Amino acid sequence: MKILKHSLFTSVVNKMRLIHHQDDTAKLSLLITGMSGTGKSTLVDWYEQQYPVEYTPEVTLKRVICVHLTKPNSPINLLEQIINAMGTSYIPRRRTLNKLLHQLKCLLEACQTELIILDEAQECLPDSDGIKAQSMAKAFVAIIDKCNVPLILIGTPALKRLLKLKYLADVKNISREEQLSRRFIAPCQLNIFLSHCDAWVNVINFFGKTKGLRNLNTKDADILDRLYVATYGRIGLIKKLFAFTQLNETSDLQATFYDAYELVDTTGEANPFNQQDYTYAAIIKKAENIERIYFTHNKTHPSEKRVADRLFH
């Protein structure tokens, strides 16, 4: 899988590599968040593929372990899922957190594992902060400290709660929040693409090339803006739309993308490629609203620099 060479990803990948290859004895970890469709799982799978499993006569080497979590209901279940991802199904009959931590530590050392990536990590947190959330935070601390392998936690923006849990630790006047936060560098976020910049043209051409689509440019502003509204600027939705797009050199782009959108849309919204439902002026306004709502909600500044402010206008 070829990762897009775009600042939305490269800045995050650089932080992942920094965490992976850090020299310090006390390993620091990283938290990455992004809304649905912003490419979190794509990034996880791509990074794991950069470090394939190595088979030797003595041992199987797994430099990077990726775990797609499925609703861990306790610290013990969290450890079990990581251990299973290591390739072993043996779990002690009398399971305790300490026994599982010891087993995980031995497996990591045997496989010479350098990094653990936990996808959908927000699944570890209950809907409200409390004892369960605190115990999960404590489990992450234990994994980092006892196994001495950095973690990369990836999930929705709800995952940020992990570093903001407010409660007292065993030591008076020291919050567990501070202890957990000290083990992480500043979190980073996968954002949506911006419309009306060269990066948007590039990402559409990246996927279009796989379908035989000619390179689009500023003269194709109408279709590019409709593609933006159809996908909300999210790479996951772009991939989904193009997966059901059948193109050739003589294809009518509006009609082709209209059909693809009808196949993949689950929102029930008007089809952006229907020019009767969506005039071009309405498309432009919708694209601007998508950006405004997203970046206001996430309180982040767009990571891309617009080209001449409005490239197409």
Protein backbone atom coordinates (compact mmCIF):
# COMPACT_ATOMS: atom_id res chain seq x y z
CA MET A 1 0.00 0.00 0.00
CA LYS A 2 1.47 3.33 -1.06
CA ILE A 3 0.87 6.09 1.46
CA LEU A 4 0.05 9.49 0.02
CA LYS A 5 3.02 11.81 0.09
CA HIS A 6 1.04 14.64 1.60
CA SER A 7 1.55 16.82 4.63
CA LEU A 8 -1.63 15.43 6.21
CA PHE A 9 0.21 12.13 6.55
CA THR A 10 3.92 12.90 6.39
CA SER A 11 3.87 15.08 9.50
CA VAL A 12 2.13 12.30 11.44
CA VAL A 13 4.39 9.60 9.99
CA ASN A 14 7.44 11.62 11.04
CA LYS A 15 6.17 11.64 14.63
CA MET A 16 5.49 7.91 14.47
CA ARG A 17 9.04 7.28 13.34
CA LEU A 18 10.37 9.57 16.04
CA ILE A 19 8.56 7.54 18.70
CA HIS A 20 9.55 4.25 17.09
CA HIS A 21 13.27 4.98 16.87
CA GLN A 22 13.81 7.07 20.00
CA ASP A 23 17.05 6.43 21.87
CA ASP A 24 15.98 7.21 25.43
CA THR A 25 15.78 4.36 27.91
CA ALA A 26 12.43 5.61 29.21
CA LYS A 27 10.24 5.30 26.12
CA LEU A 28 7.73 8.03 25.30
CA SER A 29 4.49 7.29 23.49
CA LEU A 30 2.17 9.06 21.05
CA LEU A 31 -1.55 9.64 20.67
CA ILE A 32 -3.01 10.20 17.16
CA THR A 33 -6.64 11.16 16.63
CA GLY A 34 -8.85 11.72 13.64
CA MET A 35 -12.51 11.61 12.73
CA SER A 36 -13.97 8.68 10.82
CA GLY A 37 -12.65 8.54 7.27
CA THR A 38 -9.49 10.58 7.81
CA GLY A 39 -7.21 7.61 7.12
CA LYS A 40 -6.32 6.30 10.57
CA SER A 41 -6.53 2.60 9.76
CA THR A 42 -4.90 3.17 6.37
CA LEU A 43 -1.97 4.77 8.15
CA VAL A 44 -1.74 1.94 10.70
CA ASP A 45 -1.73 -0.78 8.04
CA TRP A 46 0.80 1.08 5.90
CA TYR A 47 3.22 1.61 8.78
CA GLU A 48 3.05 -2.05 9.78
CA GLN A 49 3.84 -3.08 6.22
CA GLN A 50 7.07 -1.10 6.35
CA TYR A 51 8.31 -3.62 8.95
CA PRO A 52 7.29 -7.09 7.72
CA VAL A 53 7.61 -10.12 9.95
CA GLU A 54 11.03 -11.80 9.68
CA TYR A 55 11.24 -15.57 10.06
CA THR A 56 14.48 -17.09 11.34
CA PRO A 57 15.27 -20.65 12.50
CA GLU A 58 15.40 -19.43 16.10
CA VAL A 59 12.61 -16.88 16.38
CA THR A 60 9.98 -14.91 14.52
CA LEU A 61 10.87 -11.20 14.57
CA LYS A 62 8.02 -8.70 14.78
CA ARG A 63 9.46 -5.20 14.91
CA VAL A 64 6.06 -3.51 14.83
CA ILE A 65 2.85 -4.95 16.26
CA CYS A 66 -0.49 -3.47 15.19
CA VAL A 67 -3.61 -4.35 17.15
CA HIS A 68 -7.08 -3.40 15.93
CA LEU A 69 -8.83 -3.33 19.28
CA THR A 70 -12.38 -4.64 19.68
CA LYS A 71 -13.98 -3.09 22.76
CA PRO A 72 -11.61 -4.18 25.55
CA ASN A 73 -13.82 -4.36 28.63
CA SER A 74 -10.98 -4.47 31.16
CA PRO A 75 -7.20 -4.03 31.41
CA ILE A 76 -6.87 -7.83 31.36
CA ASN A 77 -8.83 -8.06 28.10
CA LEU A 78 -6.67 -5.27 26.65
CA LEU A 79 -3.54 -7.29 27.44
CA GLU A 80 -5.12 -10.43 26.01
CA GLN A 81 -5.82 -8.73 22.69
CA ILE A 82 -2.24 -7.49 22.42
CA ILE A 83 -0.86 -10.94 23.30
CA ASN A 84 -3.11 -12.59 20.70
CA ALA A 85 -1.85 -10.13 18.08
CA MET A 86 1.67 -11.31 18.88
CA GLY A 87 0.67 -14.67 17.44
CA THR A 88 0.07 -16.75 20.56
CA SER A 89 -3.23 -18.05 21.83
CA TYR A 90 -1.89 -19.23 25.18
CA ILE A 91 -3.29 -17.25 28.07
CA PRO A 92 -2.67 -18.34 31.69
CA ARG A 93 -5.73 -19.94 33.28
CA ARG A 94 -5.46 -17.76 36.38
CA ARG A 95 -5.16 -14.41 34.68
CA THR A 96 -3.95 -11.35 36.53
CA LEU A 97 -2.69 -8.09 35.15
CA ASN A 98 0.83 -8.76 36.42
CA LYS A 99 0.97 -12.25 34.90
CA LEU A 100 -0.20 -10.97 31.53
CA LEU A 101 2.25 -8.07 31.66
CA HIS A 102 5.06 -10.53 32.32
CA GLN A 103 3.92 -12.74 29.44
CA LEU A 104 3.70 -9.73 27.11
CA LYS A 105 7.14 -8.50 28.16
CA CYS A 106 8.67 -11.92 27.38
CA LEU A 107 6.94 -12.07 23.99
CA LEU A 108 8.07 -8.57 23.06
CA GLU A 109 11.65 -9.37 23.98
CA ALA A 110 11.61 -12.69 22.10
CA CYS A 111 10.17 -11.08 18.96
CA GLN A 112 12.44 -8.02 19.35
CA THR A 113 9.37 -5.80 19.08
CA GLU A 114 10.16 -2.09 18.98
CA LEU A 115 6.69 -0.55 18.75
CA ILE A 116 3.07 -1.36 19.60
CA ILE A 117 0.31 0.41 17.64
CA LEU A 118 -3.21 0.21 19.04
CA ASP A 119 -5.93 1.16 16.55
CA GLU A 120 -9.44 2.13 17.73
CA ALA A 121 -7.93 2.85 21.13
CA GLN A 122 -10.93 4.97 22.12
CA GLU A 123 -12.73 1.64 22.55
CA CYS A 124 -10.79 1.25 25.80
CA LEU A 125 -12.63 4.16 27.39
CA PRO A 126 -16.18 3.99 28.74
CA ASP A 127 -18.66 6.75 27.96
CA SER A 128 -17.92 8.54 31.23
CA ASP A 129 -14.80 8.98 33.32
CA GLY A 130 -14.66 6.81 36.40
CA ILE A 131 -12.98 3.79 37.91
CA LYS A 132 -12.99 1.83 34.63
CA ALA A 133 -11.40 4.68 32.69
CA GLN A 134 -8.82 5.11 35.43
CA SER A 135 -7.92 1.41 35.38
CA MET A 136 -7.43 1.53 31.60
CA ALA A 137 -5.13 4.53 31.94
CA LYS A 138 -3.19 2.67 34.61
CA ALA A 139 -2.87 -0.34 32.26
CA PHE A 140 -1.29 1.82 29.57
CA VAL A 141 1.18 3.17 32.11
CA ALA A 142 2.08 -0.38 33.16
CA ILE A 143 2.63 -1.53 29.57
CA ILE A 144 4.91 1.41 28.79
CA ASP A 145 6.88 1.10 32.03
CA LYS A 146 7.22 -2.66 32.45
CA CYS A 147 7.61 -3.64 28.80
CA ASN A 148 9.74 -0.62 27.87
CA VAL A 149 8.18 -0.50 24.40
CA PRO A 150 6.52 2.72 23.19
CA LEU A 151 2.83 2.81 22.33
CA ILE A 152 1.09 4.65 19.54
CA LEU A 153 -2.59 4.99 20.36
CA ILE A 154 -4.83 5.81 17.41
CA GLY A 155 -8.51 6.64 17.60
CA THR A 156 -11.28 9.20 17.32
CA PRO A 157 -11.02 12.59 19.06
CA ALA A 158 -12.69 10.98 22.11
CA LEU A 159 -9.33 9.31 22.80
CA LYS A 160 -7.92 12.65 23.98
CA ARG A 161 -9.83 12.06 27.22
CA LEU A 162 -7.18 9.53 28.13
CA LEU A 163 -4.65 12.25 28.82
CA LYS A 164 -7.19 14.41 30.65
CA LEU A 165 -8.52 12.00 33.26
CA LYS A 166 -8.75 13.77 36.60
CA TYR A 167 -8.26 11.69 39.70
CA LEU A 168 -5.75 11.08 42.44
CA ALA A 169 -3.09 8.42 42.27
CA ASP A 170 -1.72 6.32 45.09
CA VAL A 171 0.64 9.12 46.07
CA LYS A 172 -0.98 12.09 47.74
CA ASN A 173 -1.17 15.28 45.66
CA ILE A 174 0.08 13.55 42.49
CA SER A 175 -2.52 12.99 39.80
CA ARG A 176 -2.38 9.91 37.61
CA GLU A 177 -3.18 12.23 34.72
CA GLU A 178 0.24 13.85 35.14
CA GLN A 179 1.96 10.49 35.33
CA LEU A 180 0.31 9.30 32.11
CA SER A 181 0.83 12.58 30.28
CA ARG A 182 4.54 12.52 31.05
CA ARG A 183 4.82 9.31 29.07
CA PHE A 184 3.45 10.91 25.90
CA ILE A 185 4.67 13.59 23.54
CA ALA A 186 2.17 16.16 22.25
CA PRO A 187 -0.72 14.43 20.44
CA CYS A 188 -1.24 14.92 16.72
CA GLN A 189 -4.29 14.79 14.52
CA LEU A 190 -5.25 13.59 11.05
CA ASN A 191 -7.37 16.28 9.42
CA ILE A 192 -9.57 16.47 6.36
CA PHE A 193 -8.21 17.92 3.14
CA LEU A 194 -8.90 21.52 2.27
CA SER A 195 -10.76 22.34 -0.91
CA HIS A 196 -9.37 24.80 -3.42
CA CYS A 197 -5.72 23.98 -2.94
CA ASP A 198 -3.25 22.00 -4.97
CA ALA A 199 -3.20 19.21 -2.36
CA TRP A 200 -6.85 18.47 -3.11
CA VAL A 201 -6.15 18.25 -6.84
CA ASN A 202 -3.21 15.94 -6.12
CA VAL A 203 -5.18 13.52 -3.95
CA ILE A 204 -7.97 13.21 -6.52
CA ASN A 205 -5.41 12.63 -9.27
CA PHE A 206 -3.70 10.02 -7.08
CA PHE A 207 -6.86 7.92 -6.88
CA GLY A 208 -8.01 8.85 -10.37
CA LYS A 209 -4.83 7.44 -11.87
CA THR A 210 -5.74 3.97 -10.61
CA LYS A 211 -9.00 4.23 -12.58
CA GLY A 212 -7.53 5.67 -15.76
CA LEU A 213 -8.83 9.17 -15.08
CA ARG A 214 -6.95 11.97 -16.78
CA ASN A 215 -5.20 14.44 -14.49
CA LEU A 216 -7.62 17.10 -13.34
CA ASN A 217 -6.58 20.74 -13.01
CA THR A 218 -8.00 24.15 -12.15
CA LYS A 219 -10.22 24.05 -15.25
CA ASP A 220 -12.07 21.15 -13.61
CA ALA A 221 -13.15 23.23 -10.63
CA ASP A 222 -16.78 22.13 -10.85
CA ILE A 223 -16.11 18.38 -10.63
CA LEU A 224 -13.35 18.85 -8.04
CA ASP A 225 -15.68 20.81 -5.78
CA ARG A 226 -18.45 18.25 -6.20
CA LEU A 227 -15.99 15.51 -5.28
CA TYR A 228 -15.10 17.49 -2.16
CA VAL A 229 -18.73 17.76 -1.06
CA ALA A 230 -19.31 14.08 -1.83
CA THR A 231 -16.39 12.95 0.34
CA TYR A 232 -16.21 15.73 2.94
CA GLY A 233 -12.49 15.93 2.16
CA ARG A 234 -11.85 12.60 3.93
CA ILE A 235 -9.46 10.11 2.39
CA GLY A 236 -11.51 7.13 3.52
CA LEU A 237 -14.57 8.40 1.66
CA ILE A 238 -12.45 9.27 -1.39
CA LYS A 239 -11.16 5.69 -1.52
CA LYS A 240 -14.69 4.36 -1.10
CA LEU A 241 -16.10 6.52 -3.91
CA PHE A 242 -13.32 5.67 -6.36
CA ALA A 243 -13.60 1.97 -5.54
CA PHE A 244 -17.05 1.98 -7.19
CA THR A 245 -16.18 4.35 -10.03
CA GLN A 246 -15.89 2.93 -13.55
CA LEU A 247 -13.99 5.33 -15.80
CA ASN A 248 -12.57 5.43 -19.30
CA GLU A 249 -11.26 8.15 -21.59
CA THR A 250 -14.73 9.01 -22.88
CA SER A 251 -16.55 8.87 -19.53
CA ASP A 252 -18.90 11.67 -18.58
CA LEU A 253 -17.45 12.51 -15.17
CA GLN A 254 -20.63 13.96 -13.70
CA ALA A 255 -22.67 10.90 -14.69
CA THR A 256 -19.97 8.42 -13.65
CA PHE A 257 -19.47 9.92 -10.20
CA TYR A 258 -23.24 10.31 -9.81
CA ASP A 259 -23.65 6.55 -10.22
CA ALA A 260 -20.75 5.79 -7.86
CA TYR A 261 -22.16 8.12 -5.19
CA GLU A 262 -25.57 6.45 -5.42
CA LEU A 263 -23.87 3.12 -4.68
CA VAL A 264 -21.78 4.20 -1.69
CA ASP A 265 -23.78 6.94 0.03
CA THR A 266 -25.38 6.02 3.35
CA THR A 267 -26.34 9.54 4.47
CA GLY A 268 -29.43 10.02 2.33
CA GLU A 269 -28.22 13.49 1.33
CA ALA A 270 -28.78 14.91 -2.15
CA ASN A 271 -26.29 13.64 -4.71
CA PRO A 272 -23.64 16.37 -5.22
CA PHE A 273 -23.25 15.28 -8.86
CA ASN A 274 -26.90 16.05 -9.62
CA GLN A 275 -26.70 19.55 -11.05
CA GLN A 276 -30.42 20.09 -10.57
CA ASP A 277 -30.20 19.48 -6.82
CA TYR A 278 -26.85 21.24 -6.41
CA THR A 279 -25.97 24.32 -8.41
CA TYR A 280 -22.28 25.15 -8.51
CA ALA A 281 -22.87 28.11 -6.18
CA ALA A 282 -24.52 25.75 -3.68
CA ILE A 283 -21.59 23.33 -3.98
CA ILE A 284 -19.08 26.08 -3.18
CA LYS A 285 -21.11 27.15 -0.14
CA LYS A 286 -21.40 23.55 1.06
CA ALA A 287 -17.64 23.00 0.72
CA GLU A 288 -16.94 26.14 2.74
CA ASN A 289 -19.38 24.99 5.44
CA ILE A 290 -17.68 21.58 5.65
CA GLU A 291 -14.33 23.24 6.32
CA ARG A 292 -15.73 25.82 8.74
CA ILE A 293 -17.65 23.30 10.83
CA TYR A 294 -14.80 20.77 10.90
CA PHE A 295 -12.01 23.12 11.90
CA THR A 296 -14.19 25.03 14.38
CA HIS A 297 -15.29 21.78 16.03
CA ASN A 298 -11.75 20.42 16.21
CA LYS A 299 -10.21 23.77 17.16
CA THR A 300 -7.32 23.19 14.80
CA HIS A 301 -5.74 25.36 12.19
CA PRO A 302 -5.70 23.88 8.67
CA SER A 303 -2.39 22.09 8.20
CA GLU A 304 -2.13 22.97 4.54
CA LYS A 305 -1.33 26.36 3.08
CA ARG A 306 -3.87 27.42 0.50
CA VAL A 307 -2.49 28.18 -2.92
CA ALA A 308 -3.25 31.80 -3.81
CA ASP A 309 -5.98 31.65 -1.16
CA ARG A 310 -8.67 30.38 -3.50
CA LEU A 311 -6.94 28.41 -6.23
CA PHE A 312 -10.00 28.06 -8.41
CA HIS A 313 -11.51 31.52 -7.94
